[in-house]
C-alpha atoms as a PDB file:
ATOM      1  CA  UNK A   1       9.769 -23.367  -0.347  1.00  0.00           C
ATOM      2  CA  UNK A   2       9.354 -20.228   1.703  1.00  0.00           C
ATOM      3  CA  UNK A   3      13.202 -19.984   1.709  1.00  0.00           C
ATOM      4  CA  UNK A   4      13.001 -20.380  -2.068  1.00  0.00           C
ATOM      5  CA  UNK A   5       9.970 -17.515  -2.762  1.00  0.00           C
ATOM      6  CA  UNK A   6      11.914 -15.398  -0.343  1.00  0.00           C
ATOM      7  CA  UNK A   7      14.956 -15.587  -2.047  1.00  0.00           C
ATOM      8  CA  UNK A   8      13.545 -15.190  -5.685  1.00  0.00           C
ATOM      9  CA  UNK A   9      11.385 -12.283  -4.900  1.00  0.00           C
ATOM     10  CA  UNK A  10      13.709 -10.851  -2.559  1.00  0.00           C
ATOM     11  CA  UNK A  11      16.367 -11.171  -5.429  1.00  0.00           C
ATOM     12  CA  UNK A  12      13.676  -9.724  -7.471  1.00  0.00           C
ATOM     13  CA  UNK A  13      12.535  -6.269  -6.148  1.00  0.00           C
ATOM     14  CA  UNK A  14      16.336  -5.651  -4.866  1.00  0.00           C
ATOM     15  CA  UNK A  15      17.860  -5.907  -8.224  1.00  0.00           C
ATOM     16  CA  UNK A  16      14.763  -3.778  -9.547  1.00  0.00           C
ATOM     17  CA  UNK A  17      15.746  -1.362  -6.826  1.00  0.00           C
ATOM     18  CA  UNK A  18      18.822  -1.149  -7.177  1.00  0.00           C
ATOM     19  CA  UNK A  19      18.324  -0.759 -10.512  1.00  0.00           C
ATOM     20  CA  UNK A  20      16.262   2.679  -9.815  1.00  0.00           C
ATOM     21  CA  UNK A  21      19.053   4.017  -7.727  1.00  0.00           C
ATOM     22  CA  UNK A  22      21.548   3.444  -9.820  1.00  0.00           C
ATOM     23  CA  UNK A  23      19.615   4.992 -13.430  1.00  0.00           C
ATOM     24  CA  UNK A  24      18.538   8.216 -11.084  1.00  0.00           C
ATOM     25  CA  UNK A  25      21.917   8.381 -10.218  1.00  0.00           C
ATOM     26  CA  UNK A  26      23.222   8.520 -13.781  1.00  0.00           C
ATOM     27  CA  UNK A  27      20.636  10.707 -14.680  1.00  0.00           C
ATOM     28  CA  UNK A  28      21.341  13.296 -12.458  1.00  0.00           C
ATOM     29  CA  UNK A  29      24.982  12.851 -12.874  1.00  0.00           C
ATOM     30  CA  UNK A  30      24.599  12.971 -16.494  1.00  0.00           C
ATOM     31  CA  UNK A  31      21.851  16.186 -15.968  1.00  0.00           C
ATOM     32  CA  UNK A  32      24.844  18.453 -14.235  1.00  0.00           C
ATOM     33  CA  UNK A  33      27.571  17.691 -15.634  1.00  0.00           C
ATOM     34  CA  UNK A  34      27.458  16.743 -18.922  1.00  0.00           C
ATOM     35  CA  UNK A  35      24.412  18.983 -19.624  1.00  0.00           C
ATOM     36  CA  UNK A  36      22.832  15.384 -20.819  1.00  0.00           C
ATOM     37  CA  UNK A  37      19.744  13.044 -19.139  1.00  0.00           C
ATOM     38  CA  UNK A  38      19.557   9.013 -19.894  1.00  0.00           C
ATOM     39  CA  UNK A  39      17.104   9.123 -22.823  1.00  0.00           C
ATOM     40  CA  UNK A  40      13.668   7.183 -21.527  1.00  0.00           C
ATOM     41  CA  UNK A  41      15.567   7.645 -17.773  1.00  0.00           C
ATOM     42  CA  UNK A  42      11.499   7.953 -16.610  1.00  0.00           C
ATOM     43  CA  UNK A  43      10.156   4.676 -19.165  1.00  0.00           C
ATOM     44  CA  UNK A  44      13.052   3.131 -17.205  1.00  0.00           C
ATOM     45  CA  UNK A  45      12.150   3.581 -13.561  1.00  0.00           C
ATOM     46  CA  UNK A  46       8.599   3.388 -14.032  1.00  0.00           C
ATOM     47  CA  UNK A  47       8.439  -0.615 -15.835  1.00  0.00           C
ATOM     48  CA  UNK A  48      11.335  -1.252 -12.728  1.00  0.00           C
ATOM     49  CA  UNK A  49       8.890   0.236 -10.176  1.00  0.00           C
ATOM     50  CA  UNK A  50       6.405  -2.738 -11.904  1.00  0.00           C
ATOM     51  CA  UNK A  51       8.914  -4.873 -10.663  1.00  0.00           C
ATOM     52  CA  UNK A  52       9.845  -4.038  -7.389  1.00  0.00           C
ATOM     53  CA  UNK A  53       6.108  -3.527  -6.417  1.00  0.00           C
ATOM     54  CA  UNK A  54       4.789  -6.952  -8.154  1.00  0.00           C
ATOM     55  CA  UNK A  55       8.016  -8.356  -7.032  1.00  0.00           C
ATOM     56  CA  UNK A  56       7.159  -7.569  -3.561  1.00  0.00           C
ATOM     57  CA  UNK A  57       4.112  -8.331  -3.429  1.00  0.00           C
ATOM     58  CA  UNK A  58       4.212 -12.181  -2.616  1.00  0.00           C
ATOM     59  CA  UNK A  59       6.739 -11.462   0.373  1.00  0.00           C
ATOM     60  CA  UNK A  60       4.474  -8.598   1.725  1.00  0.00           C
ATOM     61  CA  UNK A  61       1.560 -11.512   2.038  1.00  0.00           C
ATOM     62  CA  UNK A  62       4.056 -14.177   3.271  1.00  0.00           C
ATOM     63  CA  UNK A  63       4.708 -11.592   6.116  1.00  0.00           C
ATOM     64  CA  UNK A  64       1.396 -10.034   6.700  1.00  0.00           C
ATOM     65  CA  UNK A  65       2.904  -7.054   6.329  1.00  0.00           C
ATOM     66  CA  UNK A  66      -0.236  -5.243   4.110  1.00  0.00           C
ATOM     67  CA  UNK A  67      -1.852  -2.216   6.241  1.00  0.00           C
ATOM     68  CA  UNK A  68      -4.619  -3.585   8.303  1.00  0.00           C
ATOM     69  CA  UNK A  69      -7.355  -2.287  10.269  1.00  0.00           C
ATOM     70  CA  UNK A  70      -7.284  -3.924  13.246  1.00  0.00           C
ATOM     71  CA  UNK A  71      -9.180  -2.137  15.821  1.00  0.00           C
ATOM     72  CA  UNK A  72     -11.459  -4.887  16.861  1.00  0.00           C
ATOM     73  CA  UNK A  73      -8.702  -7.186  16.735  1.00  0.00           C
ATOM     74  CA  UNK A  74      -8.632  -7.201  20.139  1.00  0.00           C
ATOM     75  CA  UNK A  75     -12.311  -7.285  21.607  1.00  0.00           C
ATOM     76  CA  UNK A  76     -12.784 -10.340  19.507  1.00  0.00           C
ATOM     77  CA  UNK A  77     -12.293 -13.753  20.712  1.00  0.00           C
ATOM     78  CA  UNK A  78      -9.358 -15.659  19.330  1.00  0.00           C
ATOM     79  CA  UNK A  79     -11.517 -18.473  17.651  1.00  0.00           C
ATOM     80  CA  UNK A  80     -13.586 -15.517  15.727  1.00  0.00           C
ATOM     81  CA  UNK A  81      -9.826 -13.868  14.747  1.00  0.00           C
ATOM     82  CA  UNK A  82      -9.091 -17.251  12.862  1.00  0.00           C
ATOM     83  CA  UNK A  83     -12.279 -17.249  11.311  1.00  0.00           C
ATOM     84  CA  UNK A  84     -11.831 -14.111  10.172  1.00  0.00           C
ATOM     85  CA  UNK A  85      -7.830 -14.300   8.673  1.00  0.00           C
ATOM     86  CA  UNK A  86      -9.229 -17.740   7.039  1.00  0.00           C
ATOM     87  CA  UNK A  87     -12.132 -15.557   5.201  1.00  0.00           C
ATOM     88  CA  UNK A  88      -9.866 -12.856   4.815  1.00  0.00           C
ATOM     89  CA  UNK A  89      -7.046 -14.342   3.121  1.00  0.00           C
ATOM     90  CA  UNK A  90      -9.320 -16.478   0.894  1.00  0.00           C
ATOM     91  CA  UNK A  91     -10.663 -13.645  -0.763  1.00  0.00           C
ATOM     92  CA  UNK A  92      -7.277 -12.389  -1.166  1.00  0.00           C
ATOM     93  CA  UNK A  93      -6.275 -15.878  -2.709  1.00  0.00           C
ATOM     94  CA  UNK A  94      -9.032 -15.662  -5.263  1.00  0.00           C
ATOM     95  CA  UNK A  95      -8.586 -11.966  -5.953  1.00  0.00           C
ATOM     96  CA  UNK A  96      -4.960 -12.235  -6.968  1.00  0.00           C
ATOM     97  CA  UNK A  97      -5.523 -15.556  -8.791  1.00  0.00           C
ATOM     98  CA  UNK A  98      -8.049 -14.030 -10.919  1.00  0.00           C
ATOM     99  CA  UNK A  99      -6.270 -10.661 -11.083  1.00  0.00           C
ATOM    100  CA  UNK A 100      -3.300 -12.377 -12.232  1.00  0.00           C
ATOM    101  CA  UNK A 101      -5.203 -14.510 -14.525  1.00  0.00           C
ATOM    102  CA  UNK A 102      -6.839 -10.956 -16.224  1.00  0.00           C
ATOM    103  CA  UNK A 103      -2.963 -10.284 -16.161  1.00  0.00           C
ATOM    104  CA  UNK A 104      -1.698 -13.093 -18.564  1.00  0.00           C
ATOM    105  CA  UNK A 105      -5.072 -12.253 -20.830  1.00  0.00           C
ATOM    106  CA  UNK A 106      -3.840  -9.063 -21.002  1.00  0.00           C
ATOM    107  CA  UNK A 107      -0.243  -9.932 -22.096  1.00  0.00           C
ATOM    108  CA  UNK A 108      -1.299 -11.791 -24.718  1.00  0.00           C
ATOM    109  CA  UNK A 109      -2.922  -9.163 -26.134  1.00  0.00           C
ATOM    110  CA  UNK A 110      -0.343  -6.904 -25.840  1.00  0.00           C
ATOM    111  CA  UNK A 111       1.796  -9.506 -27.694  1.00  0.00           C
ATOM    112  CA  UNK A 112      -0.638  -9.958 -30.268  1.00  0.00           C
ATOM    113  CA  UNK A 113      -1.206  -5.947 -30.825  1.00  0.00           C
ATOM    114  CA  UNK A 114       2.816  -5.756 -30.171  1.00  0.00           C
ATOM    115  CA  UNK A 115       1.906  -2.686 -27.638  1.00  0.00           C
ATOM    116  CA  UNK A 116       5.272  -1.323 -26.728  1.00  0.00           C
ATOM    117  CA  UNK A 117       6.071   1.915 -24.791  1.00  0.00           C
ATOM    118  CA  UNK A 118       5.658   5.392 -25.801  1.00  0.00           C
ATOM    119  CA  UNK A 119       9.911   6.458 -26.288  1.00  0.00           C
ATOM    120  CA  UNK A 120      12.153   3.050 -26.243  1.00  0.00           C
ATOM    121  CA  UNK A 121       9.574   0.835 -27.485  1.00  0.00           C
ATOM    122  CA  UNK A 122       9.929  -1.842 -25.241  1.00  0.00           C
ATOM    123  CA  UNK A 123       7.408  -4.612 -25.747  1.00  0.00           C
ATOM    124  CA  UNK A 124       4.770  -4.421 -22.449  1.00  0.00           C
ATOM    125  CA  UNK A 125       3.798  -7.752 -22.422  1.00  0.00           C
ATOM    126  CA  UNK A 126       6.974  -9.092 -20.483  1.00  0.00           C
ATOM    127  CA  UNK A 127       5.717  -6.905 -17.741  1.00  0.00           C
ATOM    128  CA  UNK A 128       2.221  -7.696 -17.798  1.00  0.00           C
ATOM    129  CA  UNK A 129       3.330 -11.194 -17.515  1.00  0.00           C
ATOM    130  CA  UNK A 130       5.981 -11.008 -14.607  1.00  0.00           C
ATOM    131  CA  UNK A 131       2.787  -9.227 -13.089  1.00  0.00           C
ATOM    132  CA  UNK A 132       0.297 -11.501 -13.706  1.00  0.00           C
ATOM    133  CA  UNK A 133       2.427 -14.289 -12.275  1.00  0.00           C
ATOM    134  CA  UNK A 134       3.613 -12.298  -9.269  1.00  0.00           C
ATOM    135  CA  UNK A 135      -0.292 -12.154  -8.086  1.00  0.00           C
ATOM    136  CA  UNK A 136      -1.034 -15.429  -8.585  1.00  0.00           C
ATOM    137  CA  UNK A 137       1.891 -16.606  -6.180  1.00  0.00           C
ATOM    138  CA  UNK A 138       0.876 -14.081  -4.049  1.00  0.00           C
ATOM    139  CA  UNK A 139      -2.452 -15.685  -4.712  1.00  0.00           C
ATOM    140  CA  UNK A 140      -1.264 -19.187  -3.755  1.00  0.00           C
ATOM    141  CA  UNK A 141       0.429 -17.612  -0.467  1.00  0.00           C
ATOM    142  CA  UNK A 142      -2.777 -16.106   0.810  1.00  0.00           C
ATOM    143  CA  UNK A 143      -4.266 -19.531  -0.143  1.00  0.00           C
ATOM    144  CA  UNK A 144      -1.639 -21.476   2.103  1.00  0.00           C
ATOM    145  CA  UNK A 145      -1.830 -18.795   4.970  1.00  0.00           C
ATOM    146  CA  UNK A 146      -5.675 -20.033   4.468  1.00  0.00           C
ATOM    147  CA  UNK A 147      -5.030 -23.235   5.545  1.00  0.00           C
ATOM    148  CA  UNK A 148      -2.246 -23.047   7.669  1.00  0.00           C
ATOM    149  CA  UNK A 149      -2.857 -25.162  11.171  1.00  0.00           C
ATOM    150  CA  UNK A 150      -4.920 -22.136  13.810  1.00  0.00           C
ATOM    151  CA  UNK A 151      -1.466 -23.036  15.777  1.00  0.00           C
ATOM    152  CA  UNK A 152       0.533 -21.261  13.500  1.00  0.00           C
ATOM    153  CA  UNK A 153      -0.980 -18.477  14.348  1.00  0.00           C
ATOM    154  CA  UNK A 154       0.086 -18.232  17.246  1.00  0.00           C
ATOM    155  CA  UNK A 155       3.290 -17.639  16.174  1.00  0.00           C
ATOM    156  CA  UNK A 156       3.281 -15.105  13.748  1.00  0.00           C
ATOM    157  CA  UNK A 157       1.906 -14.551  10.032  1.00  0.00           C
ATOM    158  CA  UNK A 158       3.452 -16.805   7.220  1.00  0.00           C
ATOM    159  CA  UNK A 159       4.860 -19.370  10.449  1.00  0.00           C
ATOM    160  CA  UNK A 160       3.449 -22.347   8.768  1.00  0.00           C
ATOM    161  CA  UNK A 161       4.568 -22.094   5.260  1.00  0.00           C
END
């Protein structure tokens, strides 16, 4: 399951990031050589950034690569550190699952009203649904990190998944 998550999430983010690179390159070349930029390139870049960020979110959580404030960790006993990690992961799981649910509801509202982007008139709902799904997946990752056995903590973040 961990390998599948890494593959799908990584591919999604990588393809979106590559698309941003190709779009930016093409837009600059078009502007400089042809005196004509790609219509809606900024809007496309914004939408692709949503895919990059939310696509990578489960991987960041799985690997424990979030920004952390850990200056007190050297002074806390191992048992308290395990409790702290479990509480933080459980809190993150609840918050991300709730956020995923709220984003799914927002996606439904956007779909009902036909909300589109300003210039290209792309439906926003699919992107909001993607954000909701990826938040929920990340919430499940944090839930799994909460439930992992204590020995896995010594092996590194995400080792038990």
